[in-house]
Amino acid sequence: MIRIFKHYMPVSLLMLGGIEVAILFLSLYVGMVIRFWDVLGEPAYKGAVLQITPTAIAFAAIMSGIMLAMGLYQREHQTNFWHYRRLLASFAVGLVTMAFVFYAIPKLLLGRGAFAIAFVVSFVAIAVTRSAFFT
């Protein structure tokens, strides 16, 4: 247990949170590469991959904050059906929130196709990670 802001947190949940932040961050890069992959097998949009770092940071911060607010990092055993409903609800709220962020800060706009791919990749990766982590 580690003490953070006068609260004791299990190290395992902190590791899970770190892994999920990394998944959320990297999923935008994966979505961008998949969306703009050229027929010849080389990325057709190489320059934009480096320019999406602020969007990836915002996405990881917003989604992890929403997941924290939805109670996905509590100490109770979370392998039941309600846990995955909560995960799905947090991603639904995250989708709406990211739409507002893209509208409010157009510089962070990624594109519908790349963002949709990244969103699905991050949801599947986090669901598989949580499934493996809690078993």
N, C-alpha and C. Protein backbone atom coordinates (compact mmCIF):
# COMPACT_ATOMS: atom_id res chain seq x y z
N MET A 1 0.84 -1.18 0.00
CA MET A 1 0.00 0.00 0.00
C MET A 1 0.88 1.25 0.00
N ILE A 2 0.49 2.19 -0.81
CA ILE A 2 1.18 3.46 -0.90
C ILE A 2 0.20 4.55 -0.49
N ARG A 3 0.70 5.53 0.26
CA ARG A 3 -0.15 6.61 0.73
C ARG A 3 -0.10 7.77 -0.26
N ILE A 4 -1.26 8.15 -0.79
CA ILE A 4 -1.37 9.26 -1.73
C ILE A 4 -2.49 10.17 -1.24
N PHE A 5 -2.17 11.41 -0.93
CA PHE A 5 -3.15 12.39 -0.46
C PHE A 5 -3.97 11.85 0.72
N LYS A 6 -3.29 11.29 1.69
CA LYS A 6 -3.89 10.75 2.91
C LYS A 6 -4.81 9.55 2.66
N HIS A 7 -4.65 8.88 1.53
CA HIS A 7 -5.39 7.67 1.21
C HIS A 7 -4.39 6.57 0.89
N TYR A 8 -4.68 5.39 1.35
CA TYR A 8 -3.81 4.25 1.05
C TYR A 8 -4.32 3.55 -0.20
N MET A 9 -3.43 3.40 -1.18
CA MET A 9 -3.77 2.77 -2.45
C MET A 9 -2.93 1.51 -2.62
N PRO A 10 -3.57 0.43 -3.04
CA PRO A 10 -2.79 -0.78 -3.34
C PRO A 10 -1.89 -0.53 -4.56
N VAL A 11 -0.71 -1.08 -4.50
CA VAL A 11 0.25 -0.91 -5.59
C VAL A 11 -0.30 -1.54 -6.87
N SER A 12 -1.05 -2.62 -6.74
CA SER A 12 -1.59 -3.28 -7.93
C SER A 12 -2.55 -2.38 -8.69
N LEU A 13 -3.39 -1.61 -7.98
CA LEU A 13 -4.31 -0.70 -8.67
C LEU A 13 -3.56 0.46 -9.30
N LEU A 14 -2.48 0.91 -8.67
CA LEU A 14 -1.68 1.96 -9.28
C LEU A 14 -1.00 1.46 -10.55
N MET A 15 -0.55 0.22 -10.53
CA MET A 15 0.04 -0.37 -11.74
C MET A 15 -1.00 -0.49 -12.84
N LEU A 16 -2.20 -0.92 -12.48
CA LEU A 16 -3.28 -1.02 -13.47
C LEU A 16 -3.58 0.35 -14.07
N GLY A 17 -3.64 1.37 -13.23
CA GLY A 17 -3.89 2.72 -13.73
C GLY A 17 -2.79 3.19 -14.67
N GLY A 18 -1.55 2.91 -14.34
CA GLY A 18 -0.44 3.29 -15.22
C GLY A 18 -0.47 2.56 -16.55
N ILE A 19 -0.80 1.28 -16.50
CA ILE A 19 -0.90 0.50 -17.74
C ILE A 19 -2.03 1.03 -18.61
N GLU A 20 -3.16 1.37 -17.98
CA GLU A 20 -4.29 1.87 -18.75
C GLU A 20 -4.04 3.26 -19.34
N VAL A 21 -3.33 4.11 -18.62
CA VAL A 21 -2.96 5.42 -19.18
C VAL A 21 -2.06 5.22 -20.40
N ALA A 22 -1.13 4.29 -20.32
CA ALA A 22 -0.26 4.00 -21.46
C ALA A 22 -1.07 3.45 -22.64
N ILE A 23 -2.03 2.58 -22.35
CA ILE A 23 -2.89 2.05 -23.42
C ILE A 23 -3.68 3.17 -24.08
N LEU A 24 -4.26 4.04 -23.27
CA LEU A 24 -5.05 5.15 -23.82
C LEU A 24 -4.17 6.08 -24.66
N PHE A 25 -2.98 6.36 -24.18
CA PHE A 25 -2.06 7.23 -24.91
C PHE A 25 -1.66 6.61 -26.24
N LEU A 26 -1.25 5.35 -26.21
CA LEU A 26 -0.75 4.70 -27.42
C LEU A 26 -1.85 4.33 -28.41
N SER A 27 -3.09 4.21 -27.93
CA SER A 27 -4.17 3.83 -28.84
C SER A 27 -4.43 4.90 -29.89
N LEU A 28 -4.19 6.17 -29.57
CA LEU A 28 -4.36 7.20 -30.58
C LEU A 28 -3.33 7.08 -31.69
N TYR A 29 -2.12 6.70 -31.33
CA TYR A 29 -1.10 6.48 -32.35
C TYR A 29 -1.45 5.27 -33.21
N VAL A 30 -1.95 4.22 -32.57
CA VAL A 30 -2.36 3.04 -33.33
C VAL A 30 -3.50 3.38 -34.28
N GLY A 31 -4.48 4.12 -33.80
CA GLY A 31 -5.60 4.54 -34.65
C GLY A 31 -5.15 5.39 -35.81
N MET A 32 -4.21 6.28 -35.57
CA MET A 32 -3.71 7.14 -36.63
C MET A 32 -2.95 6.34 -37.68
N VAL A 33 -2.12 5.42 -37.24
CA VAL A 33 -1.35 4.61 -38.19
C VAL A 33 -2.27 3.69 -38.99
N ILE A 34 -3.26 3.07 -38.34
CA ILE A 34 -4.18 2.19 -39.05
C ILE A 34 -5.01 2.98 -40.06
N ARG A 35 -5.49 4.15 -39.65
CA ARG A 35 -6.36 4.94 -40.52
C ARG A 35 -5.63 5.44 -41.76
N PHE A 36 -4.39 5.86 -41.60
CA PHE A 36 -3.68 6.47 -42.71
C PHE A 36 -2.60 5.56 -43.28
N TRP A 37 -2.83 4.26 -43.23
CA TRP A 37 -1.88 3.32 -43.79
C TRP A 37 -2.02 3.29 -45.30
N ASP A 38 -0.93 3.42 -45.99
CA ASP A 38 -0.92 3.47 -47.45
C ASP A 38 -1.06 2.07 -48.04
N VAL A 39 -1.43 2.00 -49.29
CA VAL A 39 -1.55 0.73 -49.98
C VAL A 39 -0.19 0.05 -50.11
N LEU A 40 0.87 0.82 -50.21
CA LEU A 40 2.21 0.27 -50.38
C LEU A 40 2.80 -0.26 -49.08
N GLY A 41 2.14 -0.08 -47.96
CA GLY A 41 2.64 -0.60 -46.71
C GLY A 41 3.44 0.39 -45.89
N GLU A 42 3.41 1.66 -46.27
CA GLU A 42 4.09 2.69 -45.50
C GLU A 42 3.07 3.71 -45.03
N PRO A 43 3.30 4.31 -43.88
CA PRO A 43 2.35 5.31 -43.43
C PRO A 43 2.28 6.48 -44.40
N ALA A 44 1.08 6.84 -44.79
CA ALA A 44 0.91 7.93 -45.74
C ALA A 44 0.88 9.28 -45.04
N TYR A 45 0.77 9.28 -43.75
CA TYR A 45 0.60 10.52 -43.00
C TYR A 45 1.63 10.58 -41.87
N LYS A 46 2.90 10.42 -42.22
CA LYS A 46 3.97 10.30 -41.22
C LYS A 46 4.08 11.52 -40.31
N GLY A 47 3.96 12.72 -40.85
CA GLY A 47 4.14 13.93 -40.07
C GLY A 47 3.09 14.12 -38.99
N ALA A 48 1.88 13.66 -39.24
CA ALA A 48 0.80 13.86 -38.28
C ALA A 48 0.92 12.95 -37.07
N VAL A 49 1.63 11.86 -37.21
CA VAL A 49 1.79 10.95 -36.07
C VAL A 49 2.50 11.65 -34.92
N LEU A 50 3.47 12.50 -35.25
CA LEU A 50 4.17 13.23 -34.21
C LEU A 50 3.37 14.43 -33.69
N GLN A 51 2.43 14.91 -34.46
CA GLN A 51 1.66 16.09 -34.07
C GLN A 51 0.47 15.77 -33.18
N ILE A 52 0.18 14.52 -32.95
CA ILE A 52 -1.00 14.19 -32.14
C ILE A 52 -0.68 13.96 -30.68
N THR A 53 0.53 14.26 -30.26
CA THR A 53 0.90 14.08 -28.85
C THR A 53 0.00 14.87 -27.90
N PRO A 54 -0.32 16.15 -28.16
CA PRO A 54 -1.24 16.84 -27.24
C PRO A 54 -2.62 16.20 -27.18
N THR A 55 -3.09 15.70 -28.31
CA THR A 55 -4.39 15.02 -28.33
C THR A 55 -4.32 13.72 -27.54
N ALA A 56 -3.22 12.99 -27.68
CA ALA A 56 -3.06 11.73 -26.95
C ALA A 56 -2.98 11.97 -25.45
N ILE A 57 -2.29 13.03 -25.05
CA ILE A 57 -2.22 13.36 -23.62
C ILE A 57 -3.59 13.75 -23.09
N ALA A 58 -4.31 14.57 -23.85
CA ALA A 58 -5.66 14.97 -23.42
C ALA A 58 -6.59 13.77 -23.35
N PHE A 59 -6.53 12.90 -24.32
CA PHE A 59 -7.39 11.71 -24.33
C PHE A 59 -7.09 10.81 -23.14
N ALA A 60 -5.82 10.56 -22.87
CA ALA A 60 -5.44 9.70 -21.74
C ALA A 60 -5.86 10.33 -20.42
N ALA A 61 -5.67 11.63 -20.27
CA ALA A 61 -6.03 12.30 -19.02
C ALA A 61 -7.53 12.33 -18.81
N ILE A 62 -8.29 12.65 -19.84
CA ILE A 62 -9.74 12.73 -19.72
C ILE A 62 -10.34 11.36 -19.47
N MET A 63 -9.92 10.37 -20.23
CA MET A 63 -10.49 9.03 -20.07
C MET A 63 -10.13 8.41 -18.73
N SER A 64 -8.89 8.60 -18.28
CA SER A 64 -8.52 8.02 -16.99
C SER A 64 -9.24 8.75 -15.86
N GLY A 65 -9.45 10.05 -16.00
CA GLY A 65 -10.23 10.79 -15.01
C GLY A 65 -11.67 10.33 -14.95
N ILE A 66 -12.27 10.08 -16.10
CA ILE A 66 -13.65 9.58 -16.13
C ILE A 66 -13.73 8.18 -15.55
N MET A 67 -12.76 7.35 -15.87
CA MET A 67 -12.76 5.99 -15.31
C MET A 67 -12.58 6.02 -13.79
N LEU A 68 -11.78 6.94 -13.30
CA LEU A 68 -11.62 7.10 -11.86
C LEU A 68 -12.92 7.58 -11.23
N ALA A 69 -13.58 8.53 -11.88
CA ALA A 69 -14.84 9.06 -11.35
C ALA A 69 -15.96 8.01 -11.38
N MET A 70 -15.90 7.08 -12.31
CA MET A 70 -16.93 6.05 -12.40
C MET A 70 -16.66 4.88 -11.45
N GLY A 71 -15.60 4.96 -10.67
CA GLY A 71 -15.33 3.95 -9.65
C GLY A 71 -14.64 2.71 -10.16
N LEU A 72 -13.87 2.83 -11.22
CA LEU A 72 -13.20 1.66 -11.78
C LEU A 72 -11.87 1.34 -11.10
N TYR A 73 -11.45 2.18 -10.16
CA TYR A 73 -10.19 1.93 -9.46
C TYR A 73 -10.43 1.75 -7.96
N GLN A 74 -11.53 1.11 -7.62
CA GLN A 74 -11.82 0.83 -6.22
C GLN A 74 -11.17 -0.49 -5.84
N ARG A 75 -11.02 -0.70 -4.53
CA ARG A 75 -10.33 -1.90 -4.06
C ARG A 75 -11.17 -3.17 -4.12
N GLU A 76 -12.45 -3.04 -4.27
CA GLU A 76 -13.29 -4.23 -4.28
C GLU A 76 -12.98 -5.10 -5.50
N HIS A 77 -13.31 -6.36 -5.38
CA HIS A 77 -13.07 -7.31 -6.47
C HIS A 77 -13.98 -6.97 -7.64
N GLN A 78 -13.42 -6.76 -8.83
CA GLN A 78 -14.19 -6.20 -9.94
C GLN A 78 -14.24 -7.13 -11.15
N THR A 79 -14.66 -8.33 -10.98
CA THR A 79 -14.73 -9.22 -12.14
C THR A 79 -16.17 -9.54 -12.53
N ASN A 80 -17.12 -8.88 -11.95
CA ASN A 80 -18.51 -9.21 -12.25
C ASN A 80 -19.02 -8.41 -13.45
N PHE A 81 -20.27 -8.67 -13.78
CA PHE A 81 -20.93 -8.06 -14.93
C PHE A 81 -21.04 -6.55 -14.77
N TRP A 82 -21.30 -6.08 -13.56
CA TRP A 82 -21.48 -4.65 -13.33
C TRP A 82 -20.21 -3.87 -13.59
N HIS A 83 -19.09 -4.48 -13.37
CA HIS A 83 -17.82 -3.81 -13.63
C HIS A 83 -17.68 -3.47 -15.11
N TYR A 84 -18.02 -4.40 -15.98
CA TYR A 84 -17.91 -4.15 -17.41
C TYR A 84 -18.97 -3.18 -17.91
N ARG A 85 -20.11 -3.15 -17.26
CA ARG A 85 -21.12 -2.14 -17.60
C ARG A 85 -20.60 -0.76 -17.22
N ARG A 86 -19.93 -0.67 -16.09
CA ARG A 86 -19.34 0.61 -15.66
C ARG A 86 -18.23 1.04 -16.62
N LEU A 87 -17.45 0.08 -17.10
CA LEU A 87 -16.40 0.40 -18.07
C LEU A 87 -17.01 0.91 -19.37
N LEU A 88 -18.07 0.27 -19.83
CA LEU A 88 -18.75 0.70 -21.05
C LEU A 88 -19.36 2.09 -20.86
N ALA A 89 -19.95 2.34 -19.70
CA ALA A 89 -20.53 3.65 -19.42
C ALA A 89 -19.45 4.73 -19.37
N SER A 90 -18.30 4.41 -18.81
CA SER A 90 -17.23 5.41 -18.75
C SER A 90 -16.72 5.75 -20.15
N PHE A 91 -16.68 4.76 -21.04
CA PHE A 91 -16.27 5.05 -22.40
C PHE A 91 -17.33 5.84 -23.16
N ALA A 92 -18.60 5.61 -22.86
CA ALA A 92 -19.66 6.41 -23.49
C ALA A 92 -19.56 7.87 -23.05
N VAL A 93 -19.36 8.09 -21.76
CA VAL A 93 -19.18 9.45 -21.26
C VAL A 93 -17.91 10.06 -21.84
N GLY A 94 -16.87 9.27 -21.96
CA GLY A 94 -15.62 9.75 -22.54
C GLY A 94 -15.77 10.15 -24.00
N LEU A 95 -16.58 9.42 -24.75
CA LEU A 95 -16.81 9.76 -26.15
C LEU A 95 -17.49 11.12 -26.27
N VAL A 96 -18.50 11.35 -25.46
CA VAL A 96 -19.20 12.64 -25.48
C VAL A 96 -18.26 13.76 -25.02
N THR A 97 -17.50 13.50 -23.98
CA THR A 97 -16.57 14.50 -23.47
C THR A 97 -15.51 14.86 -24.50
N MET A 98 -14.97 13.86 -25.17
CA MET A 98 -13.96 14.13 -26.19
C MET A 98 -14.55 14.89 -27.38
N ALA A 99 -15.82 14.64 -27.71
CA ALA A 99 -16.47 15.41 -28.77
C ALA A 99 -16.54 16.89 -28.38
N PHE A 100 -16.88 17.17 -27.12
CA PHE A 100 -16.90 18.55 -26.65
C PHE A 100 -15.50 19.17 -26.64
N VAL A 101 -14.51 18.38 -26.26
CA VAL A 101 -13.14 18.89 -26.25
C VAL A 101 -12.69 19.21 -27.67
N PHE A 102 -13.01 18.34 -28.62
CA PHE A 102 -12.63 18.61 -30.01
C PHE A 102 -13.34 19.84 -30.55
N TYR A 103 -14.57 20.06 -30.09
CA TYR A 103 -15.32 21.24 -30.53
C TYR A 103 -14.76 22.51 -29.88
N ALA A 104 -14.40 22.42 -28.60
CA ALA A 104 -13.90 23.59 -27.87
C ALA A 104 -12.46 23.94 -28.25
N ILE A 105 -11.65 22.93 -28.52
CA ILE A 105 -10.24 23.15 -28.87
C ILE A 105 -9.98 22.47 -30.22
N PRO A 106 -10.26 23.16 -31.32
CA PRO A 106 -10.13 22.53 -32.64
C PRO A 106 -8.71 22.06 -32.97
N LYS A 107 -7.72 22.61 -32.30
CA LYS A 107 -6.34 22.19 -32.56
C LYS A 107 -6.12 20.73 -32.18
N LEU A 108 -6.93 20.20 -31.26
CA LEU A 108 -6.79 18.82 -30.82
C LEU A 108 -7.54 17.82 -31.70
N LEU A 109 -8.28 18.33 -32.68
CA LEU A 109 -9.09 17.45 -33.53
C LEU A 109 -8.22 16.44 -34.25
N LEU A 110 -8.63 15.19 -34.17
CA LEU A 110 -7.86 14.10 -34.76
C LEU A 110 -8.45 13.64 -36.08
N GLY A 111 -9.73 13.61 -36.17
CA GLY A 111 -10.41 13.08 -37.34
C GLY A 111 -11.31 11.95 -36.90
N ARG A 112 -12.48 11.85 -37.54
CA ARG A 112 -13.47 10.85 -37.10
C ARG A 112 -12.97 9.43 -37.24
N GLY A 113 -12.39 9.11 -38.38
CA GLY A 113 -11.97 7.73 -38.63
C GLY A 113 -10.86 7.28 -37.70
N ALA A 114 -9.84 8.11 -37.59
CA ALA A 114 -8.70 7.76 -36.72
C ALA A 114 -9.14 7.71 -35.26
N PHE A 115 -10.00 8.65 -34.84
CA PHE A 115 -10.45 8.64 -33.45
C PHE A 115 -11.35 7.43 -33.17
N ALA A 116 -12.20 7.06 -34.11
CA ALA A 116 -13.07 5.90 -33.91
C ALA A 116 -12.25 4.62 -33.78
N ILE A 117 -11.25 4.47 -34.61
CA ILE A 117 -10.37 3.29 -34.52
C ILE A 117 -9.64 3.29 -33.19
N ALA A 118 -9.10 4.44 -32.80
CA ALA A 118 -8.38 4.54 -31.54
C ALA A 118 -9.29 4.26 -30.35
N PHE A 119 -10.52 4.72 -30.43
CA PHE A 119 -11.47 4.51 -29.33
C PHE A 119 -11.79 3.02 -29.18
N VAL A 120 -12.03 2.35 -30.27
CA VAL A 120 -12.32 0.91 -30.23
C VAL A 120 -11.09 0.13 -29.76
N VAL A 121 -9.92 0.48 -30.25
CA VAL A 121 -8.68 -0.20 -29.84
C VAL A 121 -8.46 -0.03 -28.35
N SER A 122 -8.66 1.19 -27.85
CA SER A 122 -8.43 1.42 -26.42
C SER A 122 -9.45 0.68 -25.56
N PHE A 123 -10.72 0.64 -25.99
CA PHE A 123 -11.73 -0.08 -25.21
C PHE A 123 -11.42 -1.57 -25.15
N VAL A 124 -11.09 -2.16 -26.29
CA VAL A 124 -10.79 -3.60 -26.32
C VAL A 124 -9.53 -3.89 -25.51
N ALA A 125 -8.51 -3.07 -25.66
CA ALA A 125 -7.26 -3.31 -24.93
C ALA A 125 -7.45 -3.17 -23.43
N ILE A 126 -8.24 -2.20 -23.00
CA ILE A 126 -8.47 -2.03 -21.56
C ILE A 126 -9.35 -3.15 -21.02
N ALA A 127 -10.35 -3.57 -21.78
CA ALA A 127 -11.20 -4.68 -21.32
C ALA A 127 -10.38 -5.97 -21.18
N VAL A 128 -9.51 -6.23 -22.15
CA VAL A 128 -8.66 -7.43 -22.07
C VAL A 128 -7.66 -7.31 -20.92
N THR A 129 -7.08 -6.13 -20.76
CA THR A 129 -6.12 -5.91 -19.65
C THR A 129 -6.79 -6.11 -18.31
N ARG A 130 -7.98 -5.55 -18.14
CA ARG A 130 -8.70 -5.70 -16.87
C ARG A 130 -9.11 -7.14 -16.64
N SER A 131 -9.50 -7.82 -17.68
CA SER A 131 -9.88 -9.22 -17.56
C SER A 131 -8.68 -10.06 -17.10
N ALA A 132 -7.53 -9.81 -17.71
CA ALA A 132 -6.33 -10.54 -17.31
C ALA A 132 -5.83 -10.12 -15.94
N PHE A 133 -5.98 -8.86 -15.61
CA PHE A 133 -5.48 -8.35 -14.34
C PHE A 133 -6.27 -8.87 -13.15
N PHE A 134 -7.57 -8.98 -13.31
CA PHE A 134 -8.42 -9.39 -12.18
C PHE A 134 -8.60 -10.89 -12.07
N THR A 135 -8.03 -11.68 -12.99
CA THR A 135 -8.15 -13.12 -12.86
C THR A 135 -6.93 -13.75 -12.29
